[in-house]
Amino acid sequence: MLAAGPANAIAICERAMMRFYWLVLGILCVWRITHLLQSEDGPWNVVARLRRTAGNGFWGSLLDCFYCLSLWVAAPIAILIGEQWIERLFLWPALSASAILLERITTCEPAAPPALYFEDKENEDVLLRQAEATIPGAHSDSSDR
């Protein structure tokens, strides 16, 4: 058993802070690597050449999708950070989701252009009475009978 006292409380607090540190570090790592592979050219265009080499197949489409790629990048980092298999299993999608949230926060997407709207030409004489068209052979008033 662990000894009770202030030294034990400090050790528990330090351990919790280190685990939180590794969690934040893992989130930032997943986001940075995913962003580099999906959106940037890299130094000397190495990553751009990698994306061109990947082509349009599975690997090329994986490098085009931030969401998909973040899942693959998060897997080894979750294995490194987690201490038990159940923790690693939950860390995997959590790291990916955190990277996706960071990407959404940091990406400035242009606003959608306003929708085109055209009004029909209005009839300016709406309140004026218009002559009714008469149908041949039909009687319009009852006094003709």
C-alpha atoms as a PDB file:
ATOM      1  CA  MET A   1       0.000   0.000   0.000  1.00  0.00           C
ATOM      2  CA  LEU A   2       1.015   3.573  -0.519  1.00  0.00           C
ATOM      3  CA  ALA A   3       1.851   5.583   2.526  1.00  0.00           C
ATOM      4  CA  ALA A   4      -0.679   8.250   3.423  1.00  0.00           C
ATOM      5  CA  GLY A   5       0.428  11.797   3.842  1.00  0.00           C
ATOM      6  CA  PRO A   6       1.416  14.946   1.999  1.00  0.00           C
ATOM      7  CA  ALA A   7       4.224  13.251   0.060  1.00  0.00           C
ATOM      8  CA  ASN A   8       1.775  10.731  -1.388  1.00  0.00           C
ATOM      9  CA  ALA A   9      -0.704  13.467  -2.325  1.00  0.00           C
ATOM     10  CA  ILE A  10       2.030  15.387  -4.117  1.00  0.00           C
ATOM     11  CA  ALA A  11       3.109  12.264  -6.011  1.00  0.00           C
ATOM     12  CA  ILE A  12      -0.485  11.603  -7.120  1.00  0.00           C
ATOM     13  CA  CYS A  13      -0.879  15.219  -8.235  1.00  0.00           C
ATOM     14  CA  GLU A  14       2.406  15.126 -10.155  1.00  0.00           C
ATOM     15  CA  ARG A  15       1.387  11.899 -11.870  1.00  0.00           C
ATOM     16  CA  ALA A  16      -1.980  13.378 -12.895  1.00  0.00           C
ATOM     17  CA  MET A  17      -0.276  16.503 -14.254  1.00  0.00           C
ATOM     18  CA  MET A  18       2.182  14.422 -16.272  1.00  0.00           C
ATOM     19  CA  ARG A  19      -0.630  12.349 -17.743  1.00  0.00           C
ATOM     20  CA  PHE A  20      -2.461  15.552 -18.715  1.00  0.00           C
ATOM     21  CA  TYR A  21       0.770  16.886 -20.214  1.00  0.00           C
ATOM     22  CA  TRP A  22       1.117  13.765 -22.364  1.00  0.00           C
ATOM     23  CA  LEU A  23      -2.525  14.024 -23.425  1.00  0.00           C
ATOM     24  CA  VAL A  24      -2.115  17.636 -24.588  1.00  0.00           C
ATOM     25  CA  LEU A  25       1.180  16.752 -26.262  1.00  0.00           C
ATOM     26  CA  GLY A  26      -0.491  13.841 -28.060  1.00  0.00           C
ATOM     27  CA  ILE A  27      -3.371  16.038 -29.269  1.00  0.00           C
ATOM     28  CA  LEU A  28      -0.988  18.659 -30.634  1.00  0.00           C
ATOM     29  CA  CYS A  29       1.191  15.976 -32.219  1.00  0.00           C
ATOM     30  CA  VAL A  30      -1.733  14.343 -34.017  1.00  0.00           C
ATOM     31  CA  TRP A  31      -2.984  17.698 -35.279  1.00  0.00           C
ATOM     32  CA  ARG A  32       0.455  18.864 -36.441  1.00  0.00           C
ATOM     33  CA  ILE A  33       1.405  15.664 -38.266  1.00  0.00           C
ATOM     34  CA  THR A  34      -2.047  15.350 -39.856  1.00  0.00           C
ATOM     35  CA  HIS A  35      -2.024  18.985 -40.944  1.00  0.00           C
ATOM     36  CA  LEU A  36       1.471  18.613 -42.386  1.00  0.00           C
ATOM     37  CA  LEU A  37       0.589  15.510 -44.385  1.00  0.00           C
ATOM     38  CA  GLN A  38      -2.774  16.800 -45.631  1.00  0.00           C
ATOM     39  CA  SER A  39      -2.352  20.539 -46.169  1.00  0.00           C
ATOM     40  CA  GLU A  40       1.294  21.553 -46.423  1.00  0.00           C
ATOM     41  CA  ASP A  41       4.088  21.085 -48.937  1.00  0.00           C
ATOM     42  CA  GLY A  42       6.748  20.495 -46.282  1.00  0.00           C
ATOM     43  CA  PRO A  43      10.401  21.446 -46.500  1.00  0.00           C
ATOM     44  CA  TRP A  44      11.770  21.174 -50.029  1.00  0.00           C
ATOM     45  CA  ASN A  45       8.276  20.064 -51.167  1.00  0.00           C
ATOM     46  CA  VAL A  46       8.867  16.587 -49.722  1.00  0.00           C
ATOM     47  CA  VAL A  47       5.269  16.181 -48.528  1.00  0.00           C
ATOM     48  CA  ALA A  48       3.857  17.527 -51.802  1.00  0.00           C
ATOM     49  CA  ARG A  49       5.920  14.943 -53.704  1.00  0.00           C
ATOM     50  CA  LEU A  50       4.679  12.256 -51.315  1.00  0.00           C
ATOM     51  CA  ARG A  51       1.052  13.226 -52.053  1.00  0.00           C
ATOM     52  CA  ARG A  52       1.732  13.212 -55.822  1.00  0.00           C
ATOM     53  CA  THR A  53       3.367   9.790 -55.554  1.00  0.00           C
ATOM     54  CA  ALA A  54       0.364   8.465 -53.600  1.00  0.00           C
ATOM     55  CA  GLY A  55      -1.818   9.245 -56.614  1.00  0.00           C
ATOM     56  CA  ASN A  56      -5.580   8.849 -56.622  1.00  0.00           C
ATOM     57  CA  GLY A  57      -5.809   5.427 -54.982  1.00  0.00           C
ATOM     58  CA  PHE A  58      -6.347   4.551 -51.337  1.00  0.00           C
ATOM     59  CA  TRP A  59      -3.241   6.357 -50.072  1.00  0.00           C
ATOM     60  CA  GLY A  60      -3.916   9.444 -52.148  1.00  0.00           C
ATOM     61  CA  SER A  61      -7.487   9.745 -50.929  1.00  0.00           C
ATOM     62  CA  LEU A  62      -6.286   9.137 -47.369  1.00  0.00           C
ATOM     63  CA  LEU A  63      -3.861  12.052 -47.652  1.00  0.00           C
ATOM     64  CA  ASP A  64      -6.658  14.277 -49.009  1.00  0.00           C
ATOM     65  CA  CYS A  65      -9.065  13.736 -46.099  1.00  0.00           C
ATOM     66  CA  PHE A  66      -8.096  15.361 -42.789  1.00  0.00           C
ATOM     67  CA  TYR A  67     -10.663  13.324 -40.839  1.00  0.00           C
ATOM     68  CA  CYS A  68      -9.498   9.964 -42.217  1.00  0.00           C
ATOM     69  CA  LEU A  69      -5.835  10.806 -41.910  1.00  0.00           C
ATOM     70  CA  SER A  70      -6.186  11.951 -38.301  1.00  0.00           C
ATOM     71  CA  LEU A  71      -7.506   8.510 -37.352  1.00  0.00           C
ATOM     72  CA  TRP A  72      -4.427   6.829 -38.820  1.00  0.00           C
ATOM     73  CA  VAL A  73      -2.027   9.319 -37.249  1.00  0.00           C
ATOM     74  CA  ALA A  74      -3.752   9.049 -33.846  1.00  0.00           C
ATOM     75  CA  ALA A  75      -3.446   5.242 -33.643  1.00  0.00           C
ATOM     76  CA  PRO A  76       0.308   4.954 -32.955  1.00  0.00           C
ATOM     77  CA  ILE A  77       0.268   7.991 -30.681  1.00  0.00           C
ATOM     78  CA  ALA A  78      -2.582   6.484 -28.639  1.00  0.00           C
ATOM     79  CA  ILE A  79      -0.560   3.272 -28.321  1.00  0.00           C
ATOM     80  CA  LEU A  80       2.457   5.256 -27.072  1.00  0.00           C
ATOM     81  CA  ILE A  81       0.537   7.422 -24.600  1.00  0.00           C
ATOM     82  CA  GLY A  82      -1.948   4.906 -23.189  1.00  0.00           C
ATOM     83  CA  GLU A  83      -0.957   2.632 -20.348  1.00  0.00           C
ATOM     84  CA  GLN A  84      -3.641  -0.049 -20.701  1.00  0.00           C
ATOM     85  CA  TRP A  85      -5.363  -1.399 -23.801  1.00  0.00           C
ATOM     86  CA  ILE A  86      -8.758   0.019 -22.873  1.00  0.00           C
ATOM     87  CA  GLU A  87      -7.174   3.447 -22.381  1.00  0.00           C
ATOM     88  CA  ARG A  88      -5.421   3.184 -25.749  1.00  0.00           C
ATOM     89  CA  LEU A  89      -8.693   2.177 -27.372  1.00  0.00           C
ATOM     90  CA  PHE A  90     -10.446   5.297 -26.027  1.00  0.00           C
ATOM     91  CA  LEU A  91      -7.475   7.572 -26.696  1.00  0.00           C
ATOM     92  CA  TRP A  92      -7.420   6.686 -30.390  1.00  0.00           C
ATOM     93  CA  PRO A  93     -10.704   8.393 -31.435  1.00  0.00           C
ATOM     94  CA  ALA A  94     -10.286  11.058 -28.754  1.00  0.00           C
ATOM     95  CA  LEU A  95      -6.950  12.188 -30.181  1.00  0.00           C
ATOM     96  CA  SER A  96      -8.399  12.185 -33.686  1.00  0.00           C
ATOM     97  CA  ALA A  97     -11.454  14.187 -32.608  1.00  0.00           C
ATOM     98  CA  SER A  98      -9.274  16.703 -30.794  1.00  0.00           C
ATOM     99  CA  ALA A  99      -7.139  17.175 -33.901  1.00  0.00           C
ATOM    100  CA  ILE A 100     -10.288  17.679 -35.991  1.00  0.00           C
ATOM    101  CA  LEU A 101     -11.563  20.310 -33.544  1.00  0.00           C
ATOM    102  CA  LEU A 102      -8.206  22.103 -33.657  1.00  0.00           C
ATOM    103  CA  GLU A 103      -8.309  22.038 -37.451  1.00  0.00           C
ATOM    104  CA  ARG A 104     -11.804  23.513 -37.500  1.00  0.00           C
ATOM    105  CA  ILE A 105     -10.824  26.250 -35.057  1.00  0.00           C
ATOM    106  CA  THR A 106      -7.654  27.219 -36.909  1.00  0.00           C
ATOM    107  CA  THR A 107      -8.973  27.021 -40.486  1.00  0.00           C
ATOM    108  CA  CYS A 108     -10.430  30.229 -41.868  1.00  0.00           C
ATOM    109  CA  GLU A 109     -12.944  29.193 -44.475  1.00  0.00           C
ATOM    110  CA  PRO A 110     -14.328  31.967 -46.649  1.00  0.00           C
ATOM    111  CA  ALA A 111     -17.921  32.875 -45.985  1.00  0.00           C
ATOM    112  CA  ALA A 112     -20.451  31.565 -48.446  1.00  0.00           C
ATOM    113  CA  PRO A 113     -21.452  34.170 -51.033  1.00  0.00           C
ATOM    114  CA  PRO A 114     -24.895  35.649 -50.547  1.00  0.00           C
ATOM    115  CA  ALA A 115     -27.681  33.929 -52.424  1.00  0.00           C
ATOM    116  CA  LEU A 116     -28.853  35.609 -55.607  1.00  0.00           C
ATOM    117  CA  TYR A 117     -32.335  37.023 -55.228  1.00  0.00           C
ATOM    118  CA  PHE A 118     -34.395  38.757 -57.868  1.00  0.00           C
ATOM    119  CA  GLU A 119     -37.813  40.281 -57.315  1.00  0.00           C
ATOM    120  CA  ASP A 120     -40.519  40.114 -59.944  1.00  0.00           C
ATOM    121  CA  LYS A 121     -41.624  43.437 -61.360  1.00  0.00           C
ATOM    122  CA  GLU A 122     -44.532  44.730 -59.320  1.00  0.00           C
ATOM    123  CA  ASN A 123     -47.794  45.919 -60.806  1.00  0.00           C
ATOM    124  CA  GLU A 124     -48.030  49.547 -59.733  1.00  0.00           C
ATOM    125  CA  ASP A 125     -51.807  49.774 -60.384  1.00  0.00           C
ATOM    126  CA  VAL A 126     -52.841  47.056 -57.985  1.00  0.00           C
ATOM    127  CA  LEU A 127     -55.640  49.049 -56.373  1.00  0.00           C
ATOM    128  CA  LEU A 128     -57.241  50.185 -59.623  1.00  0.00           C
ATOM    129  CA  ARG A 129     -60.171  48.183 -60.920  1.00  0.00           C
ATOM    130  CA  GLN A 130     -59.546  46.539 -64.223  1.00  0.00           C
ATOM    131  CA  ALA A 131     -62.236  45.908 -66.827  1.00  0.00           C
ATOM    132  CA  GLU A 132     -63.467  42.347 -66.786  1.00  0.00           C
ATOM    133  CA  ALA A 133     -63.280  40.447 -70.009  1.00  0.00           C
ATOM    134  CA  THR A 134     -66.677  39.420 -71.296  1.00  0.00           C
ATOM    135  CA  ILE A 135     -67.307  36.025 -72.765  1.00  0.00           C
ATOM    136  CA  PRO A 136     -69.403  36.031 -75.945  1.00  0.00           C
ATOM    137  CA  GLY A 137     -72.880  34.634 -75.338  1.00  0.00           C
ATOM    138  CA  ALA A 138     -72.671  35.021 -71.590  1.00  0.00           C
ATOM    139  CA  HIS A 139     -74.829  37.554 -69.742  1.00  0.00           C
ATOM    140  CA  SER A 140     -73.043  39.643 -67.194  1.00  0.00           C
ATOM    141  CA  ASP A 141     -76.033  41.102 -65.329  1.00  0.00           C
ATOM    142  CA  SER A 142     -79.357  39.626 -64.343  1.00  0.00           C
ATOM    143  CA  SER A 143     -81.522  42.479 -65.813  1.00  0.00           C
ATOM    144  CA  ASP A 144     -81.207  41.123 -69.383  1.00  0.00           C
ATOM    145  CA  ARG A 145     -83.369  38.093 -68.708  1.00  0.00           C
END
